Amino acid sequence: MMYAARAGLDQVLALGARYGVAPLFFAAIYIGVIPFFLLFFGLAVRRLRAAKPAVLWIVAAGLCFVSAYLYLAVAGRGIPALVWVLLAVLAGYGAFNVVRSARRKLGGR
């Protein structure tokens, strides 16, 4: 079991080297921004409930949402188009869920 995990990690690191991306750095960004996304999302919902402008917090939450993919776009080299299509589908689905969640928190607006 341990050998398989090590082999999988070696494979991911090799892919990272092939495409110019540090997979552990990507994962750190992906996981590390979660508290900031939740903070900015909560601030946006609070401002929207108070009928105040929330554009700054919505943009900040959006940047947190795509930050790991921005790193991939900037640092990556020769990433296959299929990966970008898959990431676009995942980001679109994630955005759909975030909007749906925000609407529920705002009382169905």
PDB file of N, CA and C in Angstrom:
ATOM      1  N   MET A   1       0.833  -1.197   0.000  1.00  0.00           N
ATOM      2  CA  MET A   1       0.000   0.000   0.000  1.00  0.00           C
ATOM      3  C   MET A   1       0.866   1.243   0.000  1.00  0.00           C
ATOM      4  N   MET A   2       1.884   1.251   0.853  1.00  0.00           N
ATOM      5  CA  MET A   2       2.761   2.414   0.949  1.00  0.00           C
ATOM      6  C   MET A   2       3.520   2.616  -0.357  1.00  0.00           C
ATOM      7  N   TYR A   3       3.916   1.517  -0.987  1.00  0.00           N
ATOM      8  CA  TYR A   3       4.637   1.591  -2.253  1.00  0.00           C
ATOM      9  C   TYR A   3       3.769   2.234  -3.328  1.00  0.00           C
ATOM     10  N   ALA A   4       2.488   1.877  -3.359  1.00  0.00           N
ATOM     11  CA  ALA A   4       1.573   2.439  -4.361  1.00  0.00           C
ATOM     12  C   ALA A   4       1.398   3.942  -4.154  1.00  0.00           C
ATOM     13  N   ALA A   5       1.313   4.382  -2.914  1.00  0.00           N
ATOM     14  CA  ALA A   5       1.175   5.812  -2.634  1.00  0.00           C
ATOM     15  C   ALA A   5       2.419   6.553  -3.082  1.00  0.00           C
ATOM     16  N   ARG A   6       3.579   5.988  -2.809  1.00  0.00           N
ATOM     17  CA  ARG A   6       4.837   6.623  -3.210  1.00  0.00           C
ATOM     18  C   ARG A   6       4.947   6.680  -4.727  1.00  0.00           C
ATOM     19  N   ALA A   7       4.538   5.617  -5.397  1.00  0.00           N
ATOM     20  CA  ALA A   7       4.575   5.584  -6.854  1.00  0.00           C
ATOM     21  C   ALA A   7       3.629   6.631  -7.429  1.00  0.00           C
ATOM     22  N   GLY A   8       2.469   6.791  -6.815  1.00  0.00           N
ATOM     23  CA  GLY A   8       1.514   7.800  -7.276  1.00  0.00           C
ATOM     24  C   GLY A   8       2.061   9.209  -7.099  1.00  0.00           C
ATOM     25  N   LEU A   9       2.707   9.461  -5.960  1.00  0.00           N
ATOM     26  CA  LEU A   9       3.304  10.773  -5.718  1.00  0.00           C
ATOM     27  C   LEU A   9       4.422  11.042  -6.714  1.00  0.00           C
ATOM     28  N   ASP A  10       5.246  10.034  -6.981  1.00  0.00           N
ATOM     29  CA  ASP A  10       6.322  10.197  -7.964  1.00  0.00           C
ATOM     30  C   ASP A  10       5.758  10.527  -9.346  1.00  0.00           C
ATOM     31  N   GLN A  11       4.643   9.897  -9.694  1.00  0.00           N
ATOM     32  CA  GLN A  11       4.007  10.150 -10.985  1.00  0.00           C
ATOM     33  C   GLN A  11       3.486  11.583 -11.063  1.00  0.00           C
ATOM     34  N   VAL A  12       2.857  12.059 -10.012  1.00  0.00           N
ATOM     35  CA  VAL A  12       2.336  13.428  -9.977  1.00  0.00           C
ATOM     36  C   VAL A  12       3.486  14.426 -10.057  1.00  0.00           C
ATOM     37  N   LEU A  13       4.559  14.182  -9.327  1.00  0.00           N
ATOM     38  CA  LEU A  13       5.711  15.081  -9.372  1.00  0.00           C
ATOM     39  C   LEU A  13       6.354  15.095 -10.760  1.00  0.00           C
ATOM     40  N   ALA A  14       6.388  13.945 -11.417  1.00  0.00           N
ATOM     41  CA  ALA A  14       6.935  13.878 -12.774  1.00  0.00           C
ATOM     42  C   ALA A  14       6.068  14.677 -13.739  1.00  0.00           C
ATOM     43  N   LEU A  15       4.758  14.589 -13.592  1.00  0.00           N
ATOM     44  CA  LEU A  15       3.866  15.393 -14.440  1.00  0.00           C
ATOM     45  C   LEU A  15       4.073  16.874 -14.187  1.00  0.00           C
ATOM     46  N   GLY A  16       4.257  17.226 -12.929  1.00  0.00           N
ATOM     47  CA  GLY A  16       4.512  18.622 -12.586  1.00  0.00           C
ATOM     48  C   GLY A  16       5.763  19.132 -13.268  1.00  0.00           C
ATOM     49  N   ALA A  17       6.822  18.344 -13.231  1.00  0.00           N
ATOM     50  CA  ALA A  17       8.076  18.738 -13.879  1.00  0.00           C
ATOM     51  C   ALA A  17       7.884  18.838 -15.393  1.00  0.00           C
ATOM     52  N   ARG A  18       7.118  17.938 -15.963  1.00  0.00           N
ATOM     53  CA  ARG A  18       6.888  17.944 -17.415  1.00  0.00           C
ATOM     54  C   ARG A  18       6.161  19.212 -17.860  1.00  0.00           C
ATOM     55  N   TYR A  19       5.226  19.693 -17.049  1.00  0.00           N
ATOM     56  CA  TYR A  19       4.422  20.847 -17.429  1.00  0.00           C
ATOM     57  C   TYR A  19       4.830  22.136 -16.720  1.00  0.00           C
ATOM     58  N   GLY A  20       5.907  22.107 -15.954  1.00  0.00           N
ATOM     59  CA  GLY A  20       6.428  23.315 -15.331  1.00  0.00           C
ATOM     60  C   GLY A  20       5.640  23.803 -14.135  1.00  0.00           C
ATOM     61  N   VAL A  21       4.957  22.899 -13.465  1.00  0.00           N
ATOM     62  CA  VAL A  21       4.118  23.258 -12.322  1.00  0.00           C
ATOM     63  C   VAL A  21       4.587  22.455 -11.103  1.00  0.00           C
ATOM     64  N   ALA A  22       4.599  23.091  -9.955  1.00  0.00           N
ATOM     65  CA  ALA A  22       4.921  22.386  -8.709  1.00  0.00           C
ATOM     66  C   ALA A  22       3.603  21.888  -8.102  1.00  0.00           C
ATOM     67  N   PRO A  23       3.321  20.585  -8.199  1.00  0.00           N
ATOM     68  CA  PRO A  23       2.040  20.064  -7.724  1.00  0.00           C
ATOM     69  C   PRO A  23       1.756  20.350  -6.254  1.00  0.00           C
ATOM     70  N   LEU A  24       2.789  20.298  -5.421  1.00  0.00           N
ATOM     71  CA  LEU A  24       2.565  20.566  -3.996  1.00  0.00           C
ATOM     72  C   LEU A  24       2.237  22.037  -3.762  1.00  0.00           C
ATOM     73  N   PHE A  25       2.841  22.928  -4.548  1.00  0.00           N
ATOM     74  CA  PHE A  25       2.520  24.350  -4.455  1.00  0.00           C
ATOM     75  C   PHE A  25       1.086  24.591  -4.928  1.00  0.00           C
ATOM     76  N   PHE A  26       0.700  23.927  -6.024  1.00  0.00           N
ATOM     77  CA  PHE A  26      -0.671  24.010  -6.526  1.00  0.00           C
ATOM     78  C   PHE A  26      -1.649  23.561  -5.440  1.00  0.00           C
ATOM     79  N   ALA A  27      -1.351  22.433  -4.803  1.00  0.00           N
ATOM     80  CA  ALA A  27      -2.234  21.910  -3.751  1.00  0.00           C
ATOM     81  C   ALA A  27      -2.277  22.858  -2.556  1.00  0.00           C
ATOM     82  N   ALA A  28      -1.134  23.458  -2.223  1.00  0.00           N
ATOM     83  CA  ALA A  28      -1.097  24.405  -1.105  1.00  0.00           C
ATOM     84  C   ALA A  28      -1.972  25.625  -1.399  1.00  0.00           C
ATOM     85  N   ILE A  29      -1.908  26.114  -2.624  1.00  0.00           N
ATOM     86  CA  ILE A  29      -2.779  27.243  -2.999  1.00  0.00           C
ATOM     87  C   ILE A  29      -4.232  26.802  -2.932  1.00  0.00           C
ATOM     88  N   TYR A  30      -4.517  25.670  -3.537  1.00  0.00           N
ATOM     89  CA  TYR A  30      -5.888  25.160  -3.631  1.00  0.00           C
ATOM     90  C   TYR A  30      -6.524  25.027  -2.246  1.00  0.00           C
ATOM     91  N   ILE A  31      -5.779  24.493  -1.298  1.00  0.00           N
ATOM     92  CA  ILE A  31      -6.301  24.281   0.048  1.00  0.00           C
ATOM     93  C   ILE A  31      -6.158  25.537   0.906  1.00  0.00           C
ATOM     94  N   GLY A  32      -5.055  26.250   0.715  1.00  0.00           N
ATOM     95  CA  GLY A  32      -4.764  27.411   1.552  1.00  0.00           C
ATOM     96  C   GLY A  32      -5.717  28.575   1.408  1.00  0.00           C
ATOM     97  N   VAL A  33      -6.356  28.707   0.249  1.00  0.00           N
ATOM     98  CA  VAL A  33      -7.261  29.846   0.056  1.00  0.00           C
ATOM     99  C   VAL A  33      -8.681  29.572   0.544  1.00  0.00           C
ATOM    100  N   ILE A  34      -8.958  28.362   0.959  1.00  0.00           N
ATOM    101  CA  ILE A  34     -10.324  28.035   1.397  1.00  0.00           C
ATOM    102  C   ILE A  34     -10.814  28.956   2.514  1.00  0.00           C
ATOM    103  N   PRO A  35     -10.027  29.203   3.567  1.00  0.00           N
ATOM    104  CA  PRO A  35     -10.530  30.113   4.616  1.00  0.00           C
ATOM    105  C   PRO A  35     -10.792  31.525   4.093  1.00  0.00           C
ATOM    106  N   PHE A  36      -9.937  31.990   3.181  1.00  0.00           N
ATOM    107  CA  PHE A  36     -10.127  33.333   2.623  1.00  0.00           C
ATOM    108  C   PHE A  36     -11.373  33.385   1.739  1.00  0.00           C
ATOM    109  N   PHE A  37     -11.582  32.319   0.945  1.00  0.00           N
ATOM    110  CA  PHE A  37     -12.793  32.263   0.130  1.00  0.00           C
ATOM    111  C   PHE A  37     -14.029  32.319   1.020  1.00  0.00           C
ATOM    112  N   LEU A  38     -14.040  31.519   2.072  1.00  0.00           N
ATOM    113  CA  LEU A  38     -15.196  31.502   2.970  1.00  0.00           C
ATOM    114  C   LEU A  38     -15.396  32.858   3.642  1.00  0.00           C
ATOM    115  N   LEU A  39     -14.306  33.509   4.034  1.00  0.00           N
ATOM    116  CA  LEU A  39     -14.398  34.837   4.636  1.00  0.00           C
ATOM    117  C   LEU A  39     -14.993  35.841   3.652  1.00  0.00           C
ATOM    118  N   PHE A  40     -14.450  35.908   2.445  1.00  0.00           N
ATOM    119  CA  PHE A  40     -14.920  36.881   1.464  1.00  0.00           C
ATOM    120  C   PHE A  40     -16.349  36.577   1.019  1.00  0.00           C
ATOM    121  N   PHE A  41     -16.665  35.298   0.891  1.00  0.00           N
ATOM    122  CA  PHE A  41     -18.024  34.909   0.517  1.00  0.00           C
ATOM    123  C   PHE A  41     -19.008  35.335   1.609  1.00  0.00           C
ATOM    124  N   GLY A  42     -18.643  35.090   2.858  1.00  0.00           N
ATOM    125  CA  GLY A  42     -19.495  35.498   3.980  1.00  0.00           C
ATOM    126  C   GLY A  42     -19.670  37.003   4.040  1.00  0.00           C
ATOM    127  N   LEU A  43     -18.598  37.752   3.807  1.00  0.00           N
ATOM    128  CA  LEU A  43     -18.696  39.216   3.803  1.00  0.00           C
ATOM    129  C   LEU A  43     -19.592  39.694   2.659  1.00  0.00           C
ATOM    130  N   ALA A  44     -19.489  39.048   1.509  1.00  0.00           N
ATOM    131  CA  ALA A  44     -20.337  39.425   0.381  1.00  0.00           C
ATOM    132  C   ALA A  44     -21.809  39.172   0.694  1.00  0.00           C
ATOM    133  N   VAL A  45     -22.095  38.013   1.256  1.00  0.00           N
ATOM    134  CA  VAL A  45     -23.488  37.687   1.604  1.00  0.00           C
ATOM    135  C   VAL A  45     -24.017  38.673   2.643  1.00  0.00           C
ATOM    136  N   ARG A  46     -23.201  38.991   3.641  1.00  0.00           N
ATOM    137  CA  ARG A  46     -23.615  39.940   4.680  1.00  0.00           C
ATOM    138  C   ARG A  46     -23.929  41.313   4.073  1.00  0.00           C
ATOM    139  N   ARG A  47     -23.062  41.770   3.156  1.00  0.00           N
ATOM    140  CA  ARG A  47     -23.298  43.082   2.533  1.00  0.00           C
ATOM    141  C   ARG A  47     -24.535  43.044   1.629  1.00  0.00           C
ATOM    142  N   LEU A  48     -24.726  41.945   0.922  1.00  0.00           N
ATOM    143  CA  LEU A  48     -25.906  41.844   0.057  1.00  0.00           C
ATOM    144  C   LEU A  48     -27.186  41.814   0.884  1.00  0.00           C
ATOM    145  N   ARG A  49     -27.160  41.132   2.016  1.00  0.00           N
ATOM    146  CA  ARG A  49     -28.335  41.114   2.896  1.00  0.00           C
ATOM    147  C   ARG A  49     -28.656  42.507   3.413  1.00  0.00           C
ATOM    148  N   ALA A  50     -27.619  43.312   3.632  1.00  0.00           N
ATOM    149  CA  ALA A  50     -27.806  44.678   4.122  1.00  0.00           C
ATOM    150  C   ALA A  50     -28.072  45.650   2.970  1.00  0.00           C
ATOM    151  N   ALA A  51     -28.232  45.137   1.758  1.00  0.00           N
ATOM    152  CA  ALA A  51     -28.482  45.935   0.554  1.00  0.00           C
ATOM    153  C   ALA A  51     -27.361  46.951   0.311  1.00  0.00           C
ATOM    154  N   LYS A  52     -26.137  46.531   0.587  1.00  0.00           N
ATOM    155  CA  LYS A  52     -24.962  47.371   0.338  1.00  0.00           C
ATOM    156  C   LYS A  52     -24.158  46.749  -0.802  1.00  0.00           C
ATOM    157  N   PRO A  53     -23.333  47.567  -1.467  1.00  0.00           N
ATOM    158  CA  PRO A  53     -22.504  47.014  -2.551  1.00  0.00           C
ATOM    159  C   PRO A  53     -21.536  45.948  -2.032  1.00  0.00           C
ATOM    160  N   ALA A  54     -21.417  44.859  -2.777  1.00  0.00           N
ATOM    161  CA  ALA A  54     -20.556  43.755  -2.354  1.00  0.00           C
ATOM    162  C   ALA A  54     -19.574  43.354  -3.444  1.00  0.00           C
ATOM    163  N   VAL A  55     -19.377  44.208  -4.427  1.00  0.00           N
ATOM    164  CA  VAL A  55     -18.544  43.849  -5.578  1.00  0.00           C
ATOM    165  C   VAL A  55     -17.124  43.471  -5.155  1.00  0.00           C
ATOM    166  N   LEU A  56     -16.529  44.248  -4.267  1.00  0.00           N
ATOM    167  CA  LEU A  56     -15.164  43.968  -3.830  1.00  0.00           C
ATOM    168  C   LEU A  56     -15.056  42.567  -3.234  1.00  0.00           C
ATOM    169  N   TRP A  57     -15.996  42.196  -2.376  1.00  0.00           N
ATOM    170  CA  TRP A  57     -15.938  40.889  -1.722  1.00  0.00           C
ATOM    171  C   TRP A  57     -16.257  39.758  -2.693  1.00  0.00           C
ATOM    172  N   ILE A  58     -17.130  40.025  -3.649  1.00  0.00           N
ATOM    173  CA  ILE A  58     -17.443  39.010  -4.667  1.00  0.00           C
ATOM    174  C   ILE A  58     -16.219  38.760  -5.549  1.00  0.00           C
ATOM    175  N   VAL A  59     -15.538  39.836  -5.948  1.00  0.00           N
ATOM    176  CA  VAL A  59     -14.331  39.690  -6.766  1.00  0.00           C
ATOM    177  C   VAL A  59     -13.235  38.971  -5.972  1.00  0.00           C
ATOM    178  N   ALA A  60     -13.067  39.339  -4.705  1.00  0.00           N
ATOM    179  CA  ALA A  60     -12.052  38.685  -3.869  1.00  0.00           C
ATOM    180  C   ALA A  60     -12.349  37.194  -3.724  1.00  0.00           C
ATOM    181  N   ALA A  61     -13.611  36.841  -3.497  1.00  0.00           N
ATOM    182  CA  ALA A  61     -13.980  35.426  -3.390  1.00  0.00           C
ATOM    183  C   ALA A  61     -13.739  34.716  -4.723  1.00  0.00           C
ATOM    184  N   GLY A  62     -14.060  35.373  -5.816  1.00  0.00           N
ATOM    185  CA  GLY A  62     -13.834  34.787  -7.138  1.00  0.00           C
ATOM    186  C   GLY A  62     -12.358  34.549  -7.412  1.00  0.00           C
ATOM    187  N   LEU A  63     -11.519  35.489  -7.025  1.00  0.00           N
ATOM    188  CA  LEU A  63     -10.077  35.298  -7.202  1.00  0.00           C
ATOM    189  C   LEU A  63      -9.562  34.143  -6.357  1.00  0.00           C
ATOM    190  N   CYS A  64     -10.077  34.014  -5.161  1.00  0.00           N
ATOM    191  CA  CYS A  64      -9.703  32.866  -4.326  1.00  0.00           C
ATOM    192  C   CYS A  64     -10.149  31.566  -4.989  1.00  0.00           C
ATOM    193  N   PHE A  65     -11.332  31.595  -5.562  1.00  0.00           N
ATOM    194  CA  PHE A  65     -11.922  30.415  -6.184  1.00  0.00           C
ATOM    195  C   PHE A  65     -11.060  29.896  -7.337  1.00  0.00           C
ATOM    196  N   VAL A  66     -10.445  30.807  -8.101  1.00  0.00           N
ATOM    197  CA  VAL A  66      -9.680  30.406  -9.286  1.00  0.00           C
ATOM    198  C   VAL A  66      -8.170  30.552  -9.101  1.00  0.00           C
ATOM    199  N   SER A  67      -7.709  30.882  -7.903  1.00  0.00           N
ATOM    200  CA  SER A  67      -6.289  31.188  -7.705  1.00  0.00           C
ATOM    201  C   SER A  67      -5.361  30.040  -8.098  1.00  0.00           C
ATOM    202  N   ALA A  68      -5.690  28.826  -7.765  1.00  0.00           N
ATOM    203  CA  ALA A  68      -4.826  27.699  -8.125  1.00  0.00           C
ATOM    204  C   ALA A  68      -4.767  27.541  -9.642  1.00  0.00           C
ATOM    205  N   TYR A  69      -5.879  27.781 -10.322  1.00  0.00           N
ATOM    206  CA  TYR A  69      -5.899  27.663 -11.783  1.00  0.00           C
ATOM    207  C   TYR A  69      -5.154  28.823 -12.431  1.00  0.00           C
ATOM    208  N   LEU A  70      -5.169  29.985 -11.783  1.00  0.00           N
ATOM    209  CA  LEU A  70      -4.364  31.098 -12.282  1.00  0.00           C
ATOM    210  C   LEU A  70      -2.884  30.747 -12.204  1.00  0.00           C
ATOM    211  N   TYR A  71      -2.478  30.120 -11.104  1.00  0.00           N
ATOM    212  CA  TYR A  71      -1.097  29.655 -10.989  1.00  0.00           C
ATOM    213  C   TYR A  71      -0.775  28.679 -12.114  1.00  0.00           C
ATOM    214  N   LEU A  72      -1.673  27.765 -12.387  1.00  0.00           N
ATOM    215  CA  LEU A  72      -1.475  26.794 -13.455  1.00  0.00           C
ATOM    216  C   LEU A  72      -1.341  27.500 -14.803  1.00  0.00           C
ATOM    217  N   ALA A  73      -2.156  28.519 -15.041  1.00  0.00           N
ATOM    218  CA  ALA A  73      -2.106  29.252 -16.310  1.00  0.00           C
ATOM    219  C   ALA A  73      -0.801  30.033 -16.457  1.00  0.00           C
ATOM    220  N   VAL A  74      -0.311  30.599 -15.360  1.00  0.00           N
ATOM    221  CA  VAL A  74       0.908  31.407 -15.415  1.00  0.00           C
ATOM    222  C   VAL A  74       2.161  30.528 -15.458  1.00  0.00           C
ATOM    223  N   ALA A  75       2.233  29.518 -14.619  1.00  0.00           N
ATOM    224  CA  ALA A  75       3.449  28.716 -14.495  1.00  0.00           C
ATOM    225  C   ALA A  75       3.505  27.543 -15.474  1.00  0.00           C
ATOM    226  N   GLY A  76       2.349  27.049 -15.881  1.00  0.00           N
ATOM    227  CA  GLY A  76       2.313  25.845 -16.707  1.00  0.00           C
ATOM    228  C   GLY A  76       2.786  26.074 -18.130  1.00  0.00           C
ATOM    229  N   ARG A  77       3.375  25.016 -18.708  1.00  0.00           N
ATOM    230  CA  ARG A  77       3.830  25.041 -20.095  1.00  0.00           C
ATOM    231  C   ARG A  77       3.278  23.814 -20.807  1.00  0.00           C
ATOM    232  N   GLY A  78       2.648  24.025 -21.932  1.00  0.00           N
ATOM    233  CA  GLY A  78       2.198  22.909 -22.752  1.00  0.00           C
ATOM    234  C   GLY A  78       1.118  22.046 -22.119  1.00  0.00           C
ATOM    235  N   ILE A  79       0.274  22.633 -21.322  1.00  0.00           N
ATOM    236  CA  ILE A  79      -0.793  21.868 -20.677  1.00  0.00           C
ATOM    237  C   ILE A  79      -1.845  21.524 -21.740  1.00  0.00           C
ATOM    238  N   PRO A  80      -2.225  20.262 -21.834  1.00  0.00           N
ATOM    239  CA  PRO A  80      -3.162  19.833 -22.873  1.00  0.00           C
ATOM    240  C   PRO A  80      -4.514  20.567 -22.794  1.00  0.00           C
ATOM    241  N   ALA A  81      -5.105  20.783 -23.948  1.00  0.00           N
ATOM    242  CA  ALA A  81      -6.386  21.488 -24.031  1.00  0.00           C
ATOM    243  C   ALA A  81      -7.472  20.761 -23.240  1.00  0.00           C
ATOM    244  N   LEU A  82      -7.414  19.443 -23.215  1.00  0.00           N
ATOM    245  CA  LEU A  82      -8.416  18.670 -22.484  1.00  0.00           C
ATOM    246  C   LEU A  82      -8.396  19.011 -20.987  1.00  0.00           C
ATOM    247  N   VAL A  83      -7.227  19.288 -20.454  1.00  0.00           N
ATOM    248  CA  VAL A  83      -7.123  19.681 -19.042  1.00  0.00           C
ATOM    249  C   VAL A  83      -7.853  21.001 -18.826  1.00  0.00           C
ATOM    250  N   TRP A  84      -7.669  21.957 -19.749  1.00  0.00           N
ATOM    251  CA  TRP A  84      -8.342  23.253 -19.618  1.00  0.00           C
ATOM    252  C   TRP A  84      -9.856  23.104 -19.738  1.00  0.00           C
ATOM    253  N   VAL A  85     -10.302  22.221 -20.624  1.00  0.00           N
ATOM    254  CA  VAL A  85     -11.743  21.978 -20.763  1.00  0.00           C
ATOM    255  C   VAL A  85     -12.293  21.393 -19.461  1.00  0.00           C
ATOM    256  N   LEU A  86     -11.587  20.409 -18.918  1.00  0.00           N
ATOM    257  CA  LEU A  86     -12.017  19.796 -17.660  1.00  0.00           C
ATOM    258  C   LEU A  86     -12.043  20.823 -16.531  1.00  0.00           C
ATOM    259  N   LEU A  87     -11.010  21.657 -16.436  1.00  0.00           N
ATOM    260  CA  LEU A  87     -10.970  22.685 -15.398  1.00  0.00           C
ATOM    261  C   LEU A  87     -12.085  23.708 -15.589  1.00  0.00           C
ATOM    262  N   ALA A  88     -12.388  24.058 -16.829  1.00  0.00           N
ATOM    263  CA  ALA A  88     -13.477  25.000 -17.094  1.00  0.00           C
ATOM    264  C   ALA A  88     -14.825  24.412 -16.654  1.00  0.00           C
ATOM    265  N   VAL A  89     -15.029  23.129 -16.923  1.00  0.00           N
ATOM    266  CA  VAL A  89     -16.264  22.471 -16.498  1.00  0.00           C
ATOM    267  C   VAL A  89     -16.345  22.430 -14.969  1.00  0.00           C
ATOM    268  N   LEU A  90     -15.245  22.063 -14.327  1.00  0.00           N
ATOM    269  CA  LEU A  90     -15.236  22.015 -12.863  1.00  0.00           C
ATOM    270  C   LEU A  90     -15.442  23.400 -12.249  1.00  0.00           C
ATOM    271  N   ALA A  91     -14.792  24.411 -12.808  1.00  0.00           N
ATOM    272  CA  ALA A  91     -14.951  25.776 -12.294  1.00  0.00           C
ATOM    273  C   ALA A  91     -16.376  26.267 -12.524  1.00  0.00           C
ATOM    274  N   GLY A  92     -16.942  25.962 -13.676  1.00  0.00           N
ATOM    275  CA  GLY A  92     -18.326  26.362 -13.959  1.00  0.00           C
ATOM    276  C   GLY A  92     -19.303  25.698 -12.998  1.00  0.00           C
ATOM    277  N   TYR A  93     -19.107  24.420 -12.749  1.00  0.00           N
ATOM    278  CA  TYR A  93     -19.974  23.704 -11.815  1.00  0.00           C
ATOM    279  C   TYR A  93     -19.813  24.261 -10.401  1.00  0.00           C
ATOM    280  N   GLY A  94     -18.578  24.539 -10.027  1.00  0.00           N
ATOM    281  CA  GLY A  94     -18.324  25.119  -8.713  1.00  0.00           C
ATOM    282  C   GLY A  94     -18.964  26.488  -8.569  1.00  0.00           C
ATOM    283  N   ALA A  95     -18.838  27.321  -9.606  1.00  0.00           N
ATOM    284  CA  ALA A  95     -19.448  28.652  -9.576  1.00  0.00           C
ATOM    285  C   ALA A  95     -20.969  28.542  -9.483  1.00  0.00           C
ATOM    286  N   PHE A  96     -21.541  27.603 -10.218  1.00  0.00           N
ATOM    287  CA  PHE A  96     -22.987  27.379 -10.157  1.00  0.00           C
ATOM    288  C   PHE A  96     -23.413  27.048  -8.730  1.00  0.00           C
ATOM    289  N   ASN A  97     -22.657  26.176  -8.070  1.00  0.00           N
ATOM    290  CA  ASN A  97     -22.986  25.810  -6.689  1.00  0.00           C
ATOM    291  C   ASN A  97     -22.808  26.970  -5.723  1.00  0.00           C
ATOM    292  N   VAL A  98     -21.801  27.798  -5.942  1.00  0.00           N
ATOM    293  CA  VAL A  98     -21.586  28.960  -5.077  1.00  0.00           C
ATOM    294  C   VAL A  98     -22.740  29.944  -5.232  1.00  0.00           C
ATOM    295  N   VAL A  99     -23.158  30.195  -6.457  1.00  0.00           N
ATOM    296  CA  VAL A  99     -24.281  31.108  -6.692  1.00  0.00           C
ATOM    297  C   VAL A  99     -25.554  30.551  -6.074  1.00  0.00           C
ATOM    298  N   ARG A 100     -25.773  29.253  -6.242  1.00  0.00           N
ATOM    299  CA  ARG A 100     -26.962  28.616  -5.658  1.00  0.00           C
ATOM    300  C   ARG A 100     -26.941  28.730  -4.141  1.00  0.00           C
ATOM    301  N   SER A 101     -25.780  28.516  -3.550  1.00  0.00           N
ATOM    302  CA  SER A 101     -25.644  28.640  -2.101  1.00  0.00           C
ATOM    303  C   SER A 101     -25.886  30.075  -1.647  1.00  0.00           C
ATOM    304  N   ALA A 102     -25.349  31.028  -2.389  1.00  0.00           N
ATOM    305  CA  ALA A 102     -25.556  32.442  -2.040  1.00  0.00           C
ATOM    306  C   ALA A 102     -27.031  32.805  -2.112  1.00  0.00           C
ATOM    307  N   ARG A 103     -27.702  32.327  -3.127  1.00  0.00           N
ATOM    308  CA  ARG A 103     -29.147  32.618  -3.258  1.00  0.00           C
ATOM    309  C   ARG A 103     -29.927  32.041  -2.090  1.00  0.00           C
ATOM    310  N   ARG A 104     -29.557  30.846  -1.660  1.00  0.00           N
ATOM    311  CA  ARG A 104     -30.230  30.249  -0.504  1.00  0.00           C
ATOM    312  C   ARG A 104     -29.988  31.068   0.755  1.00  0.00           C
ATOM    313  N   LYS A 105     -28.750  31.528   0.930  1.00  0.00           N
ATOM    314  CA  LYS A 105     -28.415  32.317   2.114  1.00  0.00           C
ATOM    315  C   LYS A 105     -29.092  33.692   2.081  1.00  0.00           C
ATOM    316  N   LEU A 106     -29.377  34.168   0.887  1.00  0.00           N
ATOM    317  CA  LEU A 106     -30.046  35.467   0.756  1.00  0.00           C
ATOM    318  C   LEU A 106     -31.562  35.345   0.762  1.00  0.00           C
ATOM    319  N   GLY A 107     -32.064  34.157   0.952  1.00  0.00           N
ATOM    320  CA  GLY A 107     -33.513  33.967   1.032  1.00  0.00           C
ATOM    321  C   GLY A 107     -34.191  33.831  -0.315  1.00  0.00           C
ATOM    322  N   GLY A 108     -33.491  33.246  -1.295  1.00  0.00           N
ATOM    323  CA  GLY A 108     -34.108  32.967  -2.580  1.00  0.00           C
ATOM    324  C   GLY A 108     -34.127  34.100  -3.565  1.00  0.00           C
ATOM    325  N   ARG A 109     -33.339  35.136  -3.335  1.00  0.00           N
ATOM    326  CA  ARG A 109     -33.299  36.238  -4.306  1.00  0.00           C
ATOM    327  C   ARG A 109     -32.752  35.826  -5.612  1.00  0.00           C
TER     328      ARG A 109
END
